[in-house]
């Protein structure tokens, strides 16, 4: 499909708004994003009143970001296992309550620097619980053709608010104080909460019970590590976040020290960054159709670097605002395009976990970068930190030489295998470990090609839930190869079978094409350490013959 054909099929940047559910939630998200930005401006400026330390000011952003690192991955696992609508509503409710409590504490005059950081972290925790459920539910609200535009609109929602929110928030701080901003943040979460309440999502529960939380998290991490497109996107966005954190984290100090302004100047700078982000997000689909994601990300890294150097050297608000606009456009285009890469590379069963890892990577990068560049600014100067940051982000373009971002993603539509494994023992979902062995009779002349395909098979088995994968070749009969891997339990093996995508089926077909023996059963499934499958004594009940039930309830 050509770029023009894809553009016609997608229907433009605003096509996803034709979907009622997406339109309602997207519109309501504008209000919550205003509230979140009001909180950031109010908390950052309040910290300049409570503390003269640049590092404490930078920690406001870190406090709002680090919960996204700590909570988002478990939240992604919960979103994959349960109803995403309910999880999103829970996170929004928690953030609204915490913002309301912070407003009360501020009105009572009890706020301290560390208490402010604590509430910023709690509110960020609620947002972290909400975010994976929202992002993973976007494909349920729009068609696949509209997905890149829908992801871009999600960033536009935030950045439309960022275009005006910081300036408006700064004005509110000047007139009414930070405590009024905290109260407004709580109220502005309510429209989005109501929009999710109106969404009549059809939750299709799995035929298997939910995984344990620890295994669900491990499964999500293993999938990302063994999926090259997702792994590359995570590394690239982490490094990008580390190097570009200065623009937002040091914006209050840029306004105060370099431009000699006040809270409204701070709001104008973030507003300029938001305008650039909105303008950039409108072109996500067009840029994806016109050039490769790799070339785009490299270009945006260089553009961001030059803009940060300009901010560090400028004392003129017009020049600084223009540079902030470029930073906003380049940042949002980079994050949106990498986000689309993850969305299109992850099957439904792990989408929320993959997106939560993506969110964790960008927020970890920004959070750590905010702290590190804040220390640099405290030790040297704000201008020095900005120039150094610009050089660092420009250098990230070289990462493309080591970890290039792939082109079109594979088909991640889940496909039923159409047959059930033969079982001659009484098993429960907790029975295990289970060993799976698959034999291949391969012409020795084609051994090298077969081995190359099986290396891809290794990644597929591991990301779907297999452990200890190995490939052995018979010494006496070089044509006989045996693939072997473990699953912790019988339930984990059944989940692995449910996770096959069309791309996985195609890879299995490639491997099977090398097999010359198409007769008989080539697959062996074995219960390792089968203590519960045999009788301890001759007079013990036999689960195969007696009335004792060994099956899962």
Protein backbone atom coordinates (compact mmCIF):
# COMPACT_ATOMS: atom_id res chain seq x y z
CA UNK A 1 0.00 0.00 0.00
CA UNK A 2 1.42 3.40 -1.02
CA UNK A 3 1.66 6.40 1.26
CA UNK A 4 -1.17 8.11 -0.66
CA UNK A 5 -3.42 5.07 -0.29
CA UNK A 6 -2.71 4.90 3.45
CA UNK A 7 -3.47 8.59 3.81
CA UNK A 8 -6.79 8.21 1.97
CA UNK A 9 -7.72 5.18 4.08
CA UNK A 10 -6.87 6.93 7.36
CA UNK A 11 -9.12 9.88 6.46
CA UNK A 12 -6.95 12.66 7.88
CA UNK A 13 -5.75 13.84 11.26
CA UNK A 14 -9.25 14.27 12.74
CA UNK A 15 -10.92 11.15 11.31
CA UNK A 16 -10.93 9.29 14.69
CA UNK A 17 -13.26 11.97 16.08
CA UNK A 18 -16.02 10.47 13.94
CA UNK A 19 -16.13 7.62 16.47
CA UNK A 20 -18.56 8.74 19.25
CA UNK A 21 -16.84 7.03 22.17
CA UNK A 22 -13.38 8.24 21.20
CA UNK A 23 -14.72 11.76 20.55
CA UNK A 24 -16.41 11.93 23.96
CA UNK A 25 -13.39 10.69 25.90
CA UNK A 26 -10.97 12.79 23.86
CA UNK A 27 -12.98 15.95 24.48
CA UNK A 28 -13.22 15.27 28.21
CA UNK A 29 -9.48 14.60 28.33
CA UNK A 30 -8.92 18.26 27.42
CA UNK A 31 -10.30 19.26 30.81
CA UNK A 32 -8.21 16.73 32.73
CA UNK A 33 -5.11 17.82 30.84
CA UNK A 34 -5.79 21.43 31.79
CA UNK A 35 -6.05 20.27 35.38
CA UNK A 36 -2.79 18.33 35.19
CA UNK A 37 -0.97 21.31 33.70
CA UNK A 38 -2.46 23.68 36.25
CA UNK A 39 -1.06 21.36 38.91
CA UNK A 40 2.40 21.36 37.34
CA UNK A 41 2.55 25.15 37.07
CA UNK A 42 1.12 25.72 40.53
CA UNK A 43 3.36 23.15 42.23
CA UNK A 44 6.53 24.34 40.46
CA UNK A 45 5.92 27.99 41.25
CA UNK A 46 4.87 27.18 44.81
CA UNK A 47 8.18 25.34 45.20
CA UNK A 48 10.09 28.47 44.15
CA UNK A 49 8.34 30.19 47.07
CA UNK A 50 9.04 27.39 49.52
CA UNK A 51 12.66 26.68 48.48
CA UNK A 52 15.48 28.53 46.72
CA UNK A 53 17.15 25.31 45.54
CA UNK A 54 17.04 24.70 41.75
CA UNK A 55 17.16 20.96 42.38
CA UNK A 56 14.01 21.14 44.55
CA UNK A 57 12.19 23.01 41.78
CA UNK A 58 13.26 20.36 39.26
CA UNK A 59 12.10 17.63 41.67
CA UNK A 60 8.49 18.76 41.23
CA UNK A 61 8.50 17.30 37.76
CA UNK A 62 10.39 14.23 38.98
CA UNK A 63 7.76 13.69 41.70
CA UNK A 64 4.99 13.75 39.11
CA UNK A 65 6.93 11.46 36.74
CA UNK A 66 8.40 8.76 38.99
CA UNK A 67 5.00 7.25 39.94
CA UNK A 68 4.52 6.65 36.22
CA UNK A 69 7.69 4.54 36.33
CA UNK A 70 6.73 2.62 39.49
CA UNK A 71 2.98 2.19 38.97
CA UNK A 72 2.52 2.09 35.21
CA UNK A 73 3.82 -1.43 34.61
CA UNK A 74 1.60 -3.08 37.26
CA UNK A 75 -1.22 -0.85 35.98
CA UNK A 76 -0.59 -2.16 32.47
CA UNK A 77 -0.76 -5.74 33.70
CA UNK A 78 -4.04 -5.00 35.51
CA UNK A 79 -5.42 -3.35 32.36
CA UNK A 80 -4.58 -6.44 30.29
CA UNK A 81 -6.20 -8.78 32.81
CA UNK A 82 -9.35 -6.86 33.81
CA UNK A 83 -11.84 -4.33 32.46
CA UNK A 84 -9.83 -1.35 31.22
CA UNK A 85 -12.75 1.00 31.66
CA UNK A 86 -13.03 0.28 35.38
CA UNK A 87 -9.29 0.56 35.91
CA UNK A 88 -9.21 3.95 34.18
CA UNK A 89 -12.06 5.22 36.36
CA UNK A 90 -10.32 4.05 39.53
CA UNK A 91 -7.12 5.92 38.65
CA UNK A 92 -8.99 9.13 37.84
CA UNK A 93 -10.97 8.97 41.07
CA UNK A 94 -7.80 8.55 43.14
CA UNK A 95 -6.08 11.52 41.47
CA UNK A 96 -9.14 13.73 41.96
CA UNK A 97 -9.32 12.89 45.68
CA UNK A 98 -5.58 13.52 46.21
CA UNK A 99 -5.76 16.88 44.42
CA UNK A 100 -8.71 17.88 46.58
CA UNK A 101 -6.80 16.98 49.77
CA UNK A 102 -3.76 18.96 48.56
CA UNK A 103 -6.00 21.99 48.02
CA UNK A 104 -7.34 21.72 51.56
CA UNK A 105 -3.83 21.41 53.02
CA UNK A 106 -2.72 24.46 51.03
CA UNK A 107 -5.73 26.52 52.16
CA UNK A 108 -4.88 25.64 55.78
CA UNK A 109 -1.31 26.88 55.28
CA UNK A 110 0.24 23.53 56.16
CA UNK A 111 2.11 22.95 52.90
CA UNK A 112 5.86 22.18 53.02
CA UNK A 113 8.31 21.35 50.19
CA UNK A 114 8.33 17.62 50.90
CA UNK A 115 4.58 17.47 51.50
CA UNK A 116 4.05 19.16 48.14
CA UNK A 117 6.29 16.57 46.47
CA UNK A 118 4.37 13.76 48.20
CA UNK A 119 0.99 14.91 46.87
CA UNK A 120 2.44 15.44 43.39
CA UNK A 121 3.62 11.83 43.52
CA UNK A 122 0.22 10.55 44.71
CA UNK A 123 -1.64 12.40 41.97
CA UNK A 124 0.89 11.10 39.47
CA UNK A 125 0.23 7.59 40.79
CA UNK A 126 -3.48 7.86 39.97
CA UNK A 127 -2.64 9.12 36.49
CA UNK A 128 -0.22 6.21 36.10
CA UNK A 129 -3.02 3.75 36.91
CA UNK A 130 -5.33 5.44 34.39
CA UNK A 131 -2.91 5.95 31.51
CA UNK A 132 -2.24 2.36 30.28
CA UNK A 133 -5.95 1.54 30.34
CA UNK A 134 -6.76 4.61 28.27
CA UNK A 135 -3.97 4.10 25.74
CA UNK A 136 -4.63 0.38 25.35
CA UNK A 137 -8.35 1.02 24.82
CA UNK A 138 -7.82 3.37 21.86
CA UNK A 139 -7.72 0.45 19.35
CA UNK A 140 -11.14 -0.61 20.74
CA UNK A 141 -12.59 2.81 19.92
CA UNK A 142 -11.16 3.40 16.42
CA UNK A 143 -10.25 1.29 13.40
CA UNK A 144 -6.66 0.18 12.80
CA UNK A 145 -6.37 2.61 9.88
CA UNK A 146 -7.23 5.49 12.23
CA UNK A 147 -4.89 4.35 15.00
CA UNK A 148 -1.87 6.60 14.16
CA UNK A 149 -4.17 9.62 13.92
CA UNK A 150 -5.91 8.63 17.18
CA UNK A 151 -2.58 8.37 19.00
CA UNK A 152 -1.62 11.76 17.60
CA UNK A 153 -4.95 13.22 18.74
CA UNK A 154 -4.24 11.92 22.22
CA UNK A 155 -1.07 14.00 22.25
CA UNK A 156 -2.94 16.94 20.71
CA UNK A 157 -5.43 16.83 23.57
CA UNK A 158 -2.59 17.24 26.03
CA UNK A 159 -0.80 19.86 24.01
CA UNK A 160 -3.86 21.97 23.22
CA UNK A 161 -4.16 22.25 26.98
CA UNK A 162 -0.43 22.89 27.25
CA UNK A 163 -0.70 25.71 24.71
CA UNK A 164 -2.98 27.70 26.99
CA UNK A 165 -3.00 25.87 30.30
CA UNK A 166 0.41 26.95 31.64
CA UNK A 167 -0.19 30.62 30.83
CA UNK A 168 -3.69 30.43 32.31
CA UNK A 169 -2.37 28.47 35.28
CA UNK A 170 0.36 31.04 35.84
CA UNK A 171 -2.23 33.82 35.74
CA UNK A 172 -4.40 32.00 38.28
CA UNK A 173 -1.37 31.51 40.54
CA UNK A 174 -0.56 35.23 40.37
CA UNK A 175 -4.16 36.27 41.15
CA UNK A 176 -5.46 33.56 43.49
CA UNK A 177 -2.43 31.57 44.56
CA UNK A 178 -1.40 27.94 44.06
CA UNK A 179 -4.11 26.63 46.40
CA UNK A 180 -6.83 27.64 43.92
CA UNK A 181 -4.99 25.77 41.16
CA UNK A 182 -4.90 22.59 43.24
CA UNK A 183 -8.66 22.74 43.79
CA UNK A 184 -9.33 23.30 40.09
CA UNK A 185 -7.17 20.28 39.23
CA UNK A 186 -9.48 18.04 41.26
CA UNK A 187 -12.62 19.40 39.58
CA UNK A 188 -11.22 19.13 36.06
CA UNK A 189 -10.71 15.35 36.39
CA UNK A 190 -14.48 14.85 36.76
CA UNK A 191 -15.59 15.26 33.09
CA UNK A 192 -13.18 12.52 31.97
CA UNK A 193 -14.37 10.27 34.78
CA UNK A 194 -17.95 10.78 33.59
CA UNK A 195 -17.00 10.10 29.95
CA UNK A 196 -15.55 6.72 30.90
CA UNK A 197 -18.66 6.03 32.95
CA UNK A 198 -20.78 6.53 29.80
CA UNK A 199 -18.63 4.18 27.71
CA UNK A 200 -20.45 0.85 27.42
CA UNK A 201 -17.37 -1.23 26.74
CA UNK A 202 -17.86 -4.90 25.96
CA UNK A 203 -15.35 -6.66 28.16
CA UNK A 204 -14.55 -10.11 26.72
CA UNK A 205 -13.03 -12.14 29.57
CA UNK A 206 -10.41 -14.74 28.74
CA UNK A 207 -11.36 -18.40 28.82
CA UNK A 208 -8.51 -18.80 31.33
CA UNK A 209 -8.26 -17.22 34.79
CA UNK A 210 -6.13 -14.06 35.09
CA UNK A 211 -2.41 -14.53 35.55
CA UNK A 212 -0.72 -13.84 38.83
CA UNK A 213 0.43 -10.23 38.99
CA UNK A 214 4.12 -11.09 39.12
CA UNK A 215 3.86 -13.43 36.13
CA UNK A 216 1.81 -10.90 34.20
CA UNK A 217 4.47 -8.24 34.76
CA UNK A 218 7.28 -10.63 33.86
CA UNK A 219 5.35 -11.70 30.77
CA UNK A 220 4.99 -8.11 29.61
CA UNK A 221 8.67 -7.36 30.17
CA UNK A 222 9.75 -10.54 28.39
CA UNK A 223 7.54 -9.75 25.43
CA UNK A 224 9.09 -6.29 25.08
CA UNK A 225 12.64 -7.65 25.43
CA UNK A 226 12.10 -10.25 22.72
CA UNK A 227 10.12 -8.04 20.32
CA UNK A 228 12.80 -6.07 18.41
CA UNK A 229 10.53 -3.18 17.35
CA UNK A 230 9.25 -2.60 20.91
CA UNK A 231 12.69 -3.04 22.49
CA UNK A 232 14.22 -0.47 20.15
CA UNK A 233 11.39 2.01 20.72
CA UNK A 234 11.80 1.74 24.50
CA UNK A 235 15.55 2.38 24.41
CA UNK A 236 15.23 5.27 21.99
CA UNK A 237 12.49 7.04 23.93
CA UNK A 238 14.33 6.53 27.25
CA UNK A 239 17.50 8.15 25.91
CA UNK A 240 15.50 10.92 24.26
CA UNK A 241 13.72 11.68 27.54
CA UNK A 242 16.98 11.74 29.51
CA UNK A 243 18.54 14.29 27.22
CA UNK A 244 15.53 16.58 26.63
CA UNK A 245 14.21 16.97 30.18
CA UNK A 246 15.74 20.43 30.62
CA UNK A 247 13.11 22.37 28.65
CA UNK A 248 10.23 21.54 30.99
CA UNK A 249 12.14 20.86 34.22
CA UNK A 250 14.12 24.10 34.16
CA UNK A 251 11.41 26.28 32.60
CA UNK A 252 10.67 28.14 35.89
CA UNK A 253 14.36 28.96 36.21
CA UNK A 254 14.61 29.96 32.55
CA UNK A 255 11.73 32.39 33.12
CA UNK A 256 13.19 33.75 36.37
CA UNK A 257 16.97 33.76 35.79
CA UNK A 258 17.48 34.04 32.02
CA UNK A 259 14.42 36.12 31.08
CA UNK A 260 13.91 37.87 34.48
CA UNK A 261 10.17 37.16 34.38
CA UNK A 262 7.50 35.83 36.74
CA UNK A 263 4.94 33.00 36.82
CA UNK A 264 3.16 34.34 33.74
CA UNK A 265 6.46 34.23 31.80
CA UNK A 266 6.85 30.63 32.87
CA UNK A 267 3.34 29.90 31.60
CA UNK A 268 4.06 31.61 28.27
CA UNK A 269 7.14 29.44 27.72
CA UNK A 270 5.24 26.23 28.36
CA UNK A 271 2.41 27.56 26.23
CA UNK A 272 4.81 28.07 23.32
CA UNK A 273 6.04 24.52 23.79
CA UNK A 274 2.43 23.32 23.73
CA UNK A 275 1.63 25.23 20.54
CA UNK A 276 4.60 23.59 18.85
CA UNK A 277 3.47 20.20 20.06
CA UNK A 278 -0.06 20.69 18.71
CA UNK A 279 1.28 21.80 15.35
CA UNK A 280 3.64 18.84 15.20
CA UNK A 281 1.04 16.26 16.24
CA UNK A 282 -1.20 17.26 13.34
CA UNK A 283 1.42 15.92 10.95
CA UNK A 284 2.16 12.54 12.56
CA UNK A 285 0.26 10.51 9.95
CA UNK A 286 1.64 12.51 7.03
CA UNK A 287 5.22 12.21 8.23
CA UNK A 288 4.83 8.44 8.76
CA UNK A 289 3.58 8.12 5.19
CA UNK A 290 6.31 10.36 3.75
CA UNK A 291 9.51 9.16 5.45
CA UNK A 292 10.68 6.32 7.68
CA UNK A 293 10.26 6.55 11.44
CA UNK A 294 14.03 6.21 11.83
CA UNK A 295 14.82 9.22 9.64
CA UNK A 296 12.11 11.26 11.34
CA UNK A 297 13.39 10.50 14.85
CA UNK A 298 16.95 11.41 13.88
CA UNK A 299 15.80 14.70 12.35
CA UNK A 300 13.75 15.62 15.41
CA UNK A 301 16.68 14.86 17.72
CA UNK A 302 18.90 17.28 15.85
CA UNK A 303 16.14 19.92 15.77
CA UNK A 304 15.56 19.59 19.52
CA UNK A 305 19.28 19.87 20.24
CA UNK A 306 19.67 23.10 18.27
CA UNK A 307 16.60 24.59 19.96
CA UNK A 308 17.87 23.77 23.47
CA UNK A 309 21.22 25.40 22.72
CA UNK A 310 19.35 28.50 21.54
CA UNK A 311 17.30 28.60 24.77
CA UNK A 312 20.46 28.40 26.86
CA UNK A 313 22.11 31.28 25.00
CA UNK A 314 19.06 33.55 24.68
CA UNK A 315 17.89 36.36 26.97
CA UNK A 316 15.11 37.48 24.64
CA UNK A 317 11.63 36.11 25.25
CA UNK A 318 10.72 36.04 21.55
CA UNK A 319 13.76 33.93 20.62
CA UNK A 320 13.23 31.68 23.64
CA UNK A 321 9.56 31.16 22.83
CA UNK A 322 10.42 30.28 19.21
CA UNK A 323 12.94 27.71 20.45
CA UNK A 324 10.38 26.29 22.91
CA UNK A 325 7.94 25.94 20.02
CA UNK A 326 10.50 23.88 18.07
CA UNK A 327 11.22 21.74 21.14
CA UNK A 328 7.52 21.07 21.57
CA UNK A 329 7.02 20.03 17.94
CA UNK A 330 10.08 17.78 17.81
CA UNK A 331 9.36 16.17 21.18
CA UNK A 332 5.76 15.29 20.45
CA UNK A 333 6.54 13.99 16.97
CA UNK A 334 9.26 11.73 18.36
CA UNK A 335 7.14 10.36 21.18
CA UNK A 336 4.01 9.94 19.03
CA UNK A 337 5.81 8.09 16.24
CA UNK A 338 7.55 5.74 18.67
CA UNK A 339 4.23 5.22 20.48
CA UNK A 340 2.58 4.20 17.19
CA UNK A 341 5.44 1.76 16.61
CA UNK A 342 4.70 0.10 19.95
CA UNK A 343 0.92 0.09 19.38
CA UNK A 344 1.27 -1.61 15.99
CA UNK A 345 3.87 -4.11 17.25
CA UNK A 346 2.00 -5.41 20.31
CA UNK A 347 -0.88 -7.91 20.15
CA UNK A 348 -4.01 -7.24 22.16
CA UNK A 349 -3.12 -9.52 25.09
CA UNK A 350 -0.04 -7.45 25.98
CA UNK A 351 -0.89 -4.00 24.55
CA UNK A 352 -1.37 -2.26 27.90
CA UNK A 353 1.83 -3.72 29.31
CA UNK A 354 3.82 -2.69 26.24
CA UNK A 355 2.41 0.83 26.42
CA UNK A 356 3.04 0.99 30.16
CA UNK A 357 6.67 0.08 29.53
CA UNK A 358 6.80 2.82 26.91
CA UNK A 359 5.33 5.32 29.39
CA UNK A 360 7.76 4.12 32.06
CA UNK A 361 10.68 4.57 29.69
CA UNK A 362 9.79 8.13 28.71
CA UNK A 363 8.89 9.19 32.24
CA UNK A 364 11.97 7.52 33.72
CA UNK A 365 14.06 9.37 31.18
CA UNK A 366 12.40 12.71 31.87
CA UNK A 367 12.36 12.16 35.65
CA UNK A 368 16.01 11.15 35.90
CA UNK A 369 16.97 13.77 33.36
CA UNK A 370 15.13 16.49 35.31
CA UNK A 371 17.03 15.57 38.47
CA UNK A 372 20.40 15.28 36.70
CA UNK A 373 20.09 18.51 34.73
CA UNK A 374 18.81 20.25 37.86
CA UNK A 375 22.02 19.23 39.63
CA UNK A 376 24.05 20.49 36.68
CA UNK A 377 22.18 23.80 36.79
CA UNK A 378 22.77 24.07 40.55
CA UNK A 379 26.48 23.27 40.17
CA UNK A 380 27.18 25.37 37.08
CA UNK A 381 24.34 27.45 35.65
CA UNK A 382 20.95 27.11 33.96
CA UNK A 383 22.45 28.20 30.63
CA UNK A 384 25.24 25.62 30.84
CA UNK A 385 22.74 22.84 31.57
CA UNK A 386 20.62 23.77 28.56
CA UNK A 387 23.55 23.90 26.14
CA UNK A 388 24.90 20.58 27.42
CA UNK A 389 21.44 19.05 27.12
CA UNK A 390 21.15 20.28 23.53
CA UNK A 391 24.45 18.67 22.57
CA UNK A 392 23.39 15.41 24.27
CA UNK A 393 20.03 15.15 22.49
CA UNK A 394 21.60 15.92 19.13
CA UNK A 395 24.04 13.08 19.70
CA UNK A 396 21.16 10.61 20.21
CA UNK A 397 20.66 10.67 16.44
CA UNK A 398 23.70 8.39 16.27
CA UNK A 399 21.72 5.69 18.10
CA UNK A 400 20.01 4.95 14.81
CA UNK A 401 23.26 3.42 13.57
CA UNK A 402 23.21 0.86 16.40
CA UNK A 403 19.47 0.38 16.99
CA UNK A 404 17.51 1.39 13.90
CA UNK A 405 13.74 1.54 14.13
CA UNK A 406 12.12 -1.05 11.88
CA UNK A 407 9.68 -0.39 9.06
CA UNK A 408 6.20 -1.88 8.78
CA UNK A 409 5.12 -3.93 11.79
CA UNK A 410 4.00 -7.55 11.56
CA UNK A 411 0.36 -8.61 11.71
CA UNK A 412 -0.47 -8.82 15.42
CA UNK A 413 -4.06 -10.05 15.03
CA UNK A 414 -4.51 -13.01 17.38
CA UNK A 415 -5.38 -16.28 15.65
CA UNK A 416 -6.88 -19.39 17.30
CA UNK A 417 -4.85 -22.54 16.68
CA UNK A 418 -7.97 -24.56 15.97
CA UNK A 419 -7.01 -27.69 17.88
CA UNK A 420 -6.54 -28.66 21.51
CA UNK A 421 -3.55 -30.60 22.81
CA UNK A 422 -4.13 -34.29 23.58
CA UNK A 423 -4.24 -34.89 27.35
CA UNK A 424 -4.11 -38.34 28.94
CA UNK A 425 -3.47 -37.18 32.53
CA UNK A 426 -5.59 -35.29 35.02
CA UNK A 427 -4.04 -31.81 35.04
CA UNK A 428 -4.85 -28.55 36.79
CA UNK A 429 -3.84 -25.11 35.56
CA UNK A 430 -1.13 -25.16 38.24
CA UNK A 431 0.39 -28.46 37.10
CA UNK A 432 3.93 -28.04 35.91
CA UNK A 433 6.53 -27.31 34.84
CA UNK A 434 5.55 -28.39 31.33
CA UNK A 435 8.17 -29.29 28.72
CA UNK A 436 7.35 -28.99 25.02
CA UNK A 437 9.47 -30.69 22.37
CA UNK A 438 8.98 -30.37 18.61
CA UNK A 439 10.88 -32.56 16.13
CA UNK A 440 11.92 -31.44 12.65
CA UNK A 441 13.32 -33.70 9.92
CA UNK A 442 15.42 -31.26 7.87
CA UNK A 443 17.49 -31.86 4.76
CA UNK A 444 21.13 -31.30 5.87
CA UNK A 445 21.67 -29.18 2.77
CA UNK A 446 19.11 -26.70 4.15
CA UNK A 447 20.40 -26.70 7.72
CA UNK A 448 21.73 -23.12 7.64
CA UNK A 449 18.44 -21.66 6.38
CA UNK A 450 16.48 -23.70 8.92
CA UNK A 451 18.71 -22.50 11.74
CA UNK A 452 18.13 -18.85 10.74
CA UNK A 453 14.36 -19.35 10.90
CA UNK A 454 14.62 -21.08 14.28
CA UNK A 455 16.51 -18.11 15.73
CA UNK A 456 13.40 -16.06 14.97
CA UNK A 457 11.34 -18.86 16.51
CA UNK A 458 13.35 -18.49 19.71
CA UNK A 459 12.25 -14.86 20.09
CA UNK A 460 8.65 -15.77 19.32
CA UNK A 461 8.48 -18.54 21.92
CA UNK A 462 10.11 -16.39 24.60
CA UNK A 463 7.94 -13.33 24.09
CA UNK A 464 4.79 -15.48 24.17
CA UNK A 465 5.73 -17.12 27.48
CA UNK A 466 8.24 -19.91 26.84
CA UNK A 467 11.34 -20.34 29.02
CA UNK A 468 14.69 -22.12 28.59
CA UNK A 469 14.34 -22.42 24.83
CA UNK A 470 16.90 -24.63 23.10
CA UNK A 471 17.52 -26.24 19.73
CA UNK A 472 19.36 -29.58 19.50
CA UNK A 473 20.63 -31.63 16.55
CA UNK A 474 20.91 -35.39 16.71
CA UNK A 475 24.53 -36.55 16.48
CA UNK A 476 23.71 -39.91 14.88
CA UNK A 477 21.06 -38.49 12.54
CA UNK A 478 21.97 -34.88 11.52
CA UNK A 479 18.62 -34.46 9.80
CA UNK A 480 16.78 -34.69 13.15
CA UNK A 481 16.39 -31.40 15.06
CA UNK A 482 14.47 -30.94 18.32
CA UNK A 483 13.11 -27.63 19.57
CA UNK A 484 12.56 -27.59 23.34
CA UNK A 485 11.14 -25.03 25.76
CA UNK A 486 9.46 -24.86 29.19
CA UNK A 487 6.31 -23.28 30.57
CA UNK A 488 6.04 -22.84 34.37
CA UNK A 489 2.54 -24.40 34.51
CA UNK A 490 -0.05 -26.03 32.28
CA UNK A 491 -2.08 -22.81 32.51
CA UNK A 492 0.90 -20.81 31.22
CA UNK A 493 1.20 -23.19 28.27
CA UNK A 494 -2.49 -22.75 27.43
CA UNK A 495 -2.03 -18.98 27.57
CA UNK A 496 0.97 -19.26 25.25
CA UNK A 497 -1.23 -21.09 22.74
CA UNK A 498 -3.89 -18.36 23.00
CA UNK A 499 -1.29 -15.68 22.18
CA UNK A 500 -0.45 -16.80 18.65
CA UNK A 501 -0.76 -13.97 16.14
CA UNK A 502 -0.94 -14.17 12.37
CA UNK A 503 2.76 -13.30 12.23
CA UNK A 504 3.54 -16.17 14.65
CA UNK A 505 1.52 -18.59 12.51
CA UNK A 506 3.45 -17.50 9.44
CA UNK A 507 6.77 -18.04 11.22
CA UNK A 508 5.68 -21.51 12.38
CA UNK A 509 4.67 -22.31 8.79
CA UNK A 510 8.14 -21.29 7.59
CA UNK A 511 9.75 -23.63 10.10
CA UNK A 512 7.36 -26.49 9.27
CA UNK A 513 8.17 -26.10 5.57
CA UNK A 514 11.65 -27.46 6.29
CA UNK A 515 10.24 -30.60 7.90
CA UNK A 516 10.34 -33.56 5.50
CA UNK A 517 8.38 -35.90 7.77
CA UNK A 518 4.72 -34.87 7.84
CA UNK A 519 3.50 -38.14 9.36
CA UNK A 520 2.85 -38.88 13.02
CA UNK A 521 2.92 -36.71 16.10
CA UNK A 522 5.99 -34.46 16.15
CA UNK A 523 5.02 -32.55 19.30
CA UNK A 524 5.57 -33.95 22.80
CA UNK A 525 4.19 -32.24 25.89
CA UNK A 526 5.59 -33.57 29.15
CA UNK A 527 4.98 -32.88 32.81
CA UNK A 528 8.31 -32.33 34.49
CA UNK A 529 8.66 -33.51 38.10
CA UNK A 530 5.22 -35.25 37.92
CA UNK A 531 4.85 -35.84 41.65
CA UNK A 532 1.07 -35.39 41.71
CA UNK A 533 0.43 -37.70 38.75
CA UNK A 534 1.51 -40.96 40.44
CA UNK A 535 0.36 -42.71 43.59
CA UNK A 536 2.71 -42.54 46.55
CA UNK A 537 1.65 -46.03 47.67
CA UNK A 538 -0.13 -48.94 46.06
CA UNK A 539 -3.32 -48.28 48.07
CA UNK A 540 -3.40 -44.52 47.30
CA UNK A 541 -6.35 -43.35 45.16
CA UNK A 542 -5.62 -43.35 41.43
CA UNK A 543 -6.84 -40.08 39.88
CA UNK A 544 -7.29 -41.85 36.54
CA UNK A 545 -9.58 -44.56 37.95
CA UNK A 546 -10.98 -43.48 41.33
CA UNK A 547 -13.43 -40.73 42.19
CA UNK A 548 -10.89 -38.23 43.54
CA UNK A 549 -11.05 -35.05 41.38
CA UNK A 550 -7.75 -33.56 40.31
CA UNK A 551 -9.16 -31.08 37.87
CA UNK A 552 -9.25 -27.35 38.52
CA UNK A 553 -12.59 -26.13 39.87
